[in-house]
Amino acid sequence: MNTKKGVSFFLVIVALITGNKLIKHIDFQNWKFEKPAIDTVYLIAFVGSVVFIVKEMINRFKK
């Protein structure tokens, strides 16, 4: 019996929330963040969640 596993719902929610915060906090004229310390944490969490989402999708398509 095969069980199909989709993309992790938790990782998608984390990517959406952190991506939204990053978009709101960036100053596009100067390319700087409003609060650099917390925005680097958001950036790390966003990139990490996107990497894990892509890894899951690649592994699913290989099978």
PDB file of N, CA and C in Angstrom:
ATOM      1  N   MET A   1       0.836  -1.169   0.000  1.00  0.00           N
ATOM      2  CA  MET A   1       0.000   0.000   0.000  1.00  0.00           C
ATOM      3  C   MET A   1       0.889   1.243   0.000  1.00  0.00           C
ATOM      4  N   ASN A   2       0.725   2.080  -0.998  1.00  0.00           N
ATOM      5  CA  ASN A   2       1.491   3.315  -1.083  1.00  0.00           C
ATOM      6  C   ASN A   2       0.761   4.441  -0.375  1.00  0.00           C
ATOM      7  N   THR A   3       1.532   5.198   0.364  1.00  0.00           N
ATOM      8  CA  THR A   3       0.959   6.401   0.965  1.00  0.00           C
ATOM      9  C   THR A   3       1.623   7.601   0.317  1.00  0.00           C
ATOM     10  N   LYS A   4       0.815   8.460  -0.249  1.00  0.00           N
ATOM     11  CA  LYS A   4       1.355   9.655  -0.881  1.00  0.00           C
ATOM     12  C   LYS A   4       1.466  10.745   0.172  1.00  0.00           C
ATOM     13  N   LYS A   5       2.618  11.344   0.214  1.00  0.00           N
ATOM     14  CA  LYS A   5       2.840  12.409   1.167  1.00  0.00           C
ATOM     15  C   LYS A   5       3.069  13.685   0.383  1.00  0.00           C
ATOM     16  N   GLY A   6       2.295  14.687   0.706  1.00  0.00           N
ATOM     17  CA  GLY A   6       2.435  15.960   0.032  1.00  0.00           C
ATOM     18  C   GLY A   6       3.485  16.826   0.707  1.00  0.00           C
ATOM     19  N   VAL A   7       3.533  18.048   0.285  1.00  0.00           N
ATOM     20  CA  VAL A   7       4.460  19.003   0.868  1.00  0.00           C
ATOM     21  C   VAL A   7       4.022  19.299   2.303  1.00  0.00           C
ATOM     22  N   SER A   8       4.971  19.437   3.186  1.00  0.00           N
ATOM     23  CA  SER A   8       4.686  19.663   4.590  1.00  0.00           C
ATOM     24  C   SER A   8       3.931  20.977   4.786  1.00  0.00           C
ATOM     25  N   PHE A   9       2.761  20.874   5.380  1.00  0.00           N
ATOM     26  CA  PHE A   9       1.919  22.037   5.615  1.00  0.00           C
ATOM     27  C   PHE A   9       2.612  23.027   6.552  1.00  0.00           C
ATOM     28  N   PHE A  10       3.300  22.517   7.548  1.00  0.00           N
ATOM     29  CA  PHE A  10       4.006  23.364   8.513  1.00  0.00           C
ATOM     30  C   PHE A  10       5.077  24.204   7.826  1.00  0.00           C
ATOM     31  N   LEU A  11       5.853  23.598   6.930  1.00  0.00           N
ATOM     32  CA  LEU A  11       6.912  24.331   6.241  1.00  0.00           C
ATOM     33  C   LEU A  11       6.351  25.397   5.312  1.00  0.00           C
ATOM     34  N   VAL A  12       5.218  25.114   4.695  1.00  0.00           N
ATOM     35  CA  VAL A  12       4.589  26.113   3.830  1.00  0.00           C
ATOM     36  C   VAL A  12       4.120  27.305   4.650  1.00  0.00           C
ATOM     37  N   ILE A  13       3.539  27.054   5.810  1.00  0.00           N
ATOM     38  CA  ILE A  13       3.079  28.145   6.682  1.00  0.00           C
ATOM     39  C   ILE A  13       4.267  28.976   7.161  1.00  0.00           C
ATOM     40  N   VAL A  14       5.357  28.318   7.545  1.00  0.00           N
ATOM     41  CA  VAL A  14       6.555  29.042   7.994  1.00  0.00           C
ATOM     42  C   VAL A  14       7.112  29.900   6.863  1.00  0.00           C
ATOM     43  N   ALA A  15       7.160  29.357   5.661  1.00  0.00           N
ATOM     44  CA  ALA A  15       7.678  30.117   4.518  1.00  0.00           C
ATOM     45  C   ALA A  15       6.785  31.316   4.212  1.00  0.00           C
ATOM     46  N   LEU A  16       5.487  31.147   4.282  1.00  0.00           N
ATOM     47  CA  LEU A  16       4.579  32.260   4.003  1.00  0.00           C
ATOM     48  C   LEU A  16       4.698  33.377   5.047  1.00  0.00           C
ATOM     49  N   ILE A  17       4.746  33.011   6.303  1.00  0.00           N
ATOM     50  CA  ILE A  17       4.814  34.017   7.364  1.00  0.00           C
ATOM     51  C   ILE A  17       6.145  34.762   7.330  1.00  0.00           C
ATOM     52  N   THR A  18       7.241  34.025   7.239  1.00  0.00           N
ATOM     53  CA  THR A  18       8.546  34.694   7.246  1.00  0.00           C
ATOM     54  C   THR A  18       8.779  35.490   5.971  1.00  0.00           C
ATOM     55  N   GLY A  19       8.309  34.983   4.846  1.00  0.00           N
ATOM     56  CA  GLY A  19       8.422  35.739   3.601  1.00  0.00           C
ATOM     57  C   GLY A  19       7.623  37.019   3.642  1.00  0.00           C
ATOM     58  N   ASN A  20       6.443  36.958   4.226  1.00  0.00           N
ATOM     59  CA  ASN A  20       5.606  38.141   4.365  1.00  0.00           C
ATOM     60  C   ASN A  20       6.285  39.188   5.252  1.00  0.00           C
ATOM     61  N   LYS A  21       6.856  38.765   6.352  1.00  0.00           N
ATOM     62  CA  LYS A  21       7.556  39.690   7.246  1.00  0.00           C
ATOM     63  C   LYS A  21       8.767  40.316   6.558  1.00  0.00           C
ATOM     64  N   LEU A  22       9.489  39.525   5.780  1.00  0.00           N
ATOM     65  CA  LEU A  22      10.652  40.066   5.075  1.00  0.00           C
ATOM     66  C   LEU A  22      10.244  41.118   4.054  1.00  0.00           C
ATOM     67  N   ILE A  23       9.166  40.867   3.340  1.00  0.00           N
ATOM     68  CA  ILE A  23       8.696  41.828   2.343  1.00  0.00           C
ATOM     69  C   ILE A  23       8.278  43.133   3.020  1.00  0.00           C
ATOM     70  N   LYS A  24       7.620  43.014   4.172  1.00  0.00           N
ATOM     71  CA  LYS A  24       7.162  44.210   4.881  1.00  0.00           C
ATOM     72  C   LYS A  24       8.320  45.010   5.478  1.00  0.00           C
ATOM     73  N   HIS A  25       9.400  44.348   5.885  1.00  0.00           N
ATOM     74  CA  HIS A  25      10.486  45.022   6.581  1.00  0.00           C
ATOM     75  C   HIS A  25      11.586  45.543   5.670  1.00  0.00           C
ATOM     76  N   ILE A  26      11.579  45.215   4.400  1.00  0.00           N
ATOM     77  CA  ILE A  26      12.668  45.655   3.532  1.00  0.00           C
ATOM     78  C   ILE A  26      12.332  47.020   2.935  1.00  0.00           C
ATOM     79  N   ASP A  27      13.347  47.863   2.883  1.00  0.00           N
ATOM     80  CA  ASP A  27      13.238  49.174   2.249  1.00  0.00           C
ATOM     81  C   ASP A  27      13.812  49.021   0.849  1.00  0.00           C
ATOM     82  N   PHE A  28      12.955  49.023  -0.166  1.00  0.00           N
ATOM     83  CA  PHE A  28      13.391  48.721  -1.523  1.00  0.00           C
ATOM     84  C   PHE A  28      14.184  49.853  -2.158  1.00  0.00           C
ATOM     85  N   GLN A  29      14.093  51.064  -1.650  1.00  0.00           N
ATOM     86  CA  GLN A  29      14.872  52.165  -2.203  1.00  0.00           C
ATOM     87  C   GLN A  29      16.340  52.056  -1.806  1.00  0.00           C
ATOM     88  N   ASN A  30      16.596  51.680  -0.558  1.00  0.00           N
ATOM     89  CA  ASN A  30      17.969  51.581  -0.058  1.00  0.00           C
ATOM     90  C   ASN A  30      18.461  50.143   0.063  1.00  0.00           C
ATOM     91  N   TRP A  31      17.580  49.165  -0.149  1.00  0.00           N
ATOM     92  CA  TRP A  31      17.878  47.745  -0.005  1.00  0.00           C
ATOM     93  C   TRP A  31      18.441  47.439   1.379  1.00  0.00           C
ATOM     94  N   LYS A  32      17.758  47.930   2.402  1.00  0.00           N
ATOM     95  CA  LYS A  32      18.136  47.655   3.787  1.00  0.00           C
ATOM     96  C   LYS A  32      16.911  47.195   4.555  1.00  0.00           C
ATOM     97  N   PHE A  33      17.168  46.474   5.648  1.00  0.00           N
ATOM     98  CA  PHE A  33      16.101  46.017   6.515  1.00  0.00           C
ATOM     99  C   PHE A  33      15.843  47.039   7.607  1.00  0.00           C
ATOM    100  N   GLU A  34      14.592  47.093   8.091  1.00  0.00           N
ATOM    101  CA  GLU A  34      14.250  47.983   9.204  1.00  0.00           C
ATOM    102  C   GLU A  34      14.939  47.537  10.487  1.00  0.00           C
ATOM    103  N   LYS A  35      14.783  46.256  10.799  1.00  0.00           N
ATOM    104  CA  LYS A  35      15.369  45.684  12.015  1.00  0.00           C
ATOM    105  C   LYS A  35      16.305  44.553  11.582  1.00  0.00           C
ATOM    106  N   PRO A  36      17.579  44.846  11.366  1.00  0.00           N
ATOM    107  CA  PRO A  36      18.484  43.842  10.790  1.00  0.00           C
ATOM    108  C   PRO A  36      18.620  42.559  11.606  1.00  0.00           C
ATOM    109  N   ALA A  37      18.576  42.644  12.917  1.00  0.00           N
ATOM    110  CA  ALA A  37      18.790  41.444  13.732  1.00  0.00           C
ATOM    111  C   ALA A  37      17.657  40.436  13.557  1.00  0.00           C
ATOM    112  N   ILE A  38      16.421  40.874  13.713  1.00  0.00           N
ATOM    113  CA  ILE A  38      15.297  39.938  13.598  1.00  0.00           C
ATOM    114  C   ILE A  38      15.061  39.541  12.147  1.00  0.00           C
ATOM    115  N   ASP A  39      15.380  40.435  11.222  1.00  0.00           N
ATOM    116  CA  ASP A  39      15.169  40.118   9.810  1.00  0.00           C
ATOM    117  C   ASP A  39      16.156  39.073   9.301  1.00  0.00           C
ATOM    118  N   THR A  40      17.358  38.995   9.881  1.00  0.00           N
ATOM    119  CA  THR A  40      18.273  37.921   9.501  1.00  0.00           C
ATOM    120  C   THR A  40      17.743  36.575   9.994  1.00  0.00           C
ATOM    121  N   VAL A  41      17.100  36.570  11.152  1.00  0.00           N
ATOM    122  CA  VAL A  41      16.483  35.330  11.650  1.00  0.00           C
ATOM    123  C   VAL A  41      15.337  34.921  10.724  1.00  0.00           C
ATOM    124  N   TYR A  42      14.516  35.899  10.307  1.00  0.00           N
ATOM    125  CA  TYR A  42      13.445  35.612   9.358  1.00  0.00           C
ATOM    126  C   TYR A  42      14.011  35.082   8.043  1.00  0.00           C
ATOM    127  N   LEU A  43      15.104  35.666   7.579  1.00  0.00           N
ATOM    128  CA  LEU A  43      15.708  35.241   6.317  1.00  0.00           C
ATOM    129  C   LEU A  43      16.226  33.810   6.400  1.00  0.00           C
ATOM    130  N   ILE A  44      16.885  33.476   7.497  1.00  0.00           N
ATOM    131  CA  ILE A  44      17.398  32.119   7.687  1.00  0.00           C
ATOM    132  C   ILE A  44      16.245  31.117   7.747  1.00  0.00           C
ATOM    133  N   ALA A  45      15.185  31.455   8.469  1.00  0.00           N
ATOM    134  CA  ALA A  45      14.026  30.560   8.568  1.00  0.00           C
ATOM    135  C   ALA A  45      13.341  30.408   7.220  1.00  0.00           C
ATOM    136  N   PHE A  46      13.232  31.491   6.462  1.00  0.00           N
ATOM    137  CA  PHE A  46      12.595  31.434   5.145  1.00  0.00           C
ATOM    138  C   PHE A  46      13.396  30.569   4.181  1.00  0.00           C
ATOM    139  N   VAL A  47      14.689  30.802   4.115  1.00  0.00           N
ATOM    140  CA  VAL A  47      15.538  30.025   3.199  1.00  0.00           C
ATOM    141  C   VAL A  47      15.543  28.557   3.606  1.00  0.00           C
ATOM    142  N   GLY A  48      15.625  28.289   4.899  1.00  0.00           N
ATOM    143  CA  GLY A  48      15.610  26.898   5.363  1.00  0.00           C
ATOM    144  C   GLY A  48      14.320  26.188   5.025  1.00  0.00           C
ATOM    145  N   SER A  49      13.198  26.843   5.223  1.00  0.00           N
ATOM    146  CA  SER A  49      11.923  26.199   4.920  1.00  0.00           C
ATOM    147  C   SER A  49      11.757  25.975   3.418  1.00  0.00           C
ATOM    148  N   VAL A  50      12.205  26.925   2.613  1.00  0.00           N
ATOM    149  CA  VAL A  50      12.106  26.748   1.155  1.00  0.00           C
ATOM    150  C   VAL A  50      13.014  25.602   0.695  1.00  0.00           C
ATOM    151  N   VAL A  51      14.197  25.498   1.267  1.00  0.00           N
ATOM    152  CA  VAL A  51      15.107  24.398   0.905  1.00  0.00           C
ATOM    153  C   VAL A  51      14.478  23.052   1.252  1.00  0.00           C
ATOM    154  N   PHE A  52      13.876  22.936   2.430  1.00  0.00           N
ATOM    155  CA  PHE A  52      13.253  21.668   2.814  1.00  0.00           C
ATOM    156  C   PHE A  52      12.030  21.353   1.952  1.00  0.00           C
ATOM    157  N   ILE A  53      11.274  22.361   1.564  1.00  0.00           N
ATOM    158  CA  ILE A  53      10.126  22.147   0.678  1.00  0.00           C
ATOM    159  C   ILE A  53      10.598  21.629  -0.676  1.00  0.00           C
ATOM    160  N   VAL A  54      11.647  22.234  -1.214  1.00  0.00           N
ATOM    161  CA  VAL A  54      12.173  21.801  -2.516  1.00  0.00           C
ATOM    162  C   VAL A  54      12.741  20.396  -2.423  1.00  0.00           C
ATOM    163  N   LYS A  55      13.440  20.077  -1.325  1.00  0.00           N
ATOM    164  CA  LYS A  55      13.966  18.722  -1.140  1.00  0.00           C
ATOM    165  C   LYS A  55      12.849  17.683  -1.111  1.00  0.00           C
ATOM    166  N   GLU A  56      11.767  17.994  -0.395  1.00  0.00           N
ATOM    167  CA  GLU A  56      10.629  17.068  -0.346  1.00  0.00           C
ATOM    168  C   GLU A  56      10.025  16.864  -1.730  1.00  0.00           C
ATOM    169  N   MET A  57       9.902  17.940  -2.487  1.00  0.00           N
ATOM    170  CA  MET A  57       9.315  17.823  -3.823  1.00  0.00           C
ATOM    171  C   MET A  57      10.209  17.013  -4.756  1.00  0.00           C
ATOM    172  N   ILE A  58      11.513  17.217  -4.671  1.00  0.00           N
ATOM    173  CA  ILE A  58      12.451  16.454  -5.516  1.00  0.00           C
ATOM    174  C   ILE A  58      12.398  14.982  -5.157  1.00  0.00           C
ATOM    175  N   ASN A  59      12.403  14.657  -3.862  1.00  0.00           N
ATOM    176  CA  ASN A  59      12.347  13.257  -3.434  1.00  0.00           C
ATOM    177  C   ASN A  59      11.025  12.602  -3.845  1.00  0.00           C
ATOM    178  N   ARG A  60       9.943  13.376  -3.833  1.00  0.00           N
ATOM    179  CA  ARG A  60       8.643  12.821  -4.230  1.00  0.00           C
ATOM    180  C   ARG A  60       8.617  12.516  -5.721  1.00  0.00           C
ATOM    181  N   PHE A  61       9.223  13.380  -6.537  1.00  0.00           N
ATOM    182  CA  PHE A  61       9.214  13.159  -7.976  1.00  0.00           C
ATOM    183  C   PHE A  61      10.194  12.067  -8.399  1.00  0.00           C
ATOM    184  N   LYS A  62      11.221  11.780  -7.593  1.00  0.00           N
ATOM    185  CA  LYS A  62      12.164  10.710  -7.917  1.00  0.00           C
ATOM    186  C   LYS A  62      11.504   9.341  -7.744  1.00  0.00           C
ATOM    187  N   LYS A  63      10.577   9.221  -6.813  1.00  0.00           N
ATOM    188  CA  LYS A  63       9.947   7.924  -6.531  1.00  0.00           C
ATOM    189  C   LYS A  63       8.929   7.573  -7.537  1.00  0.00           C
TER     190      LYS A  63
END
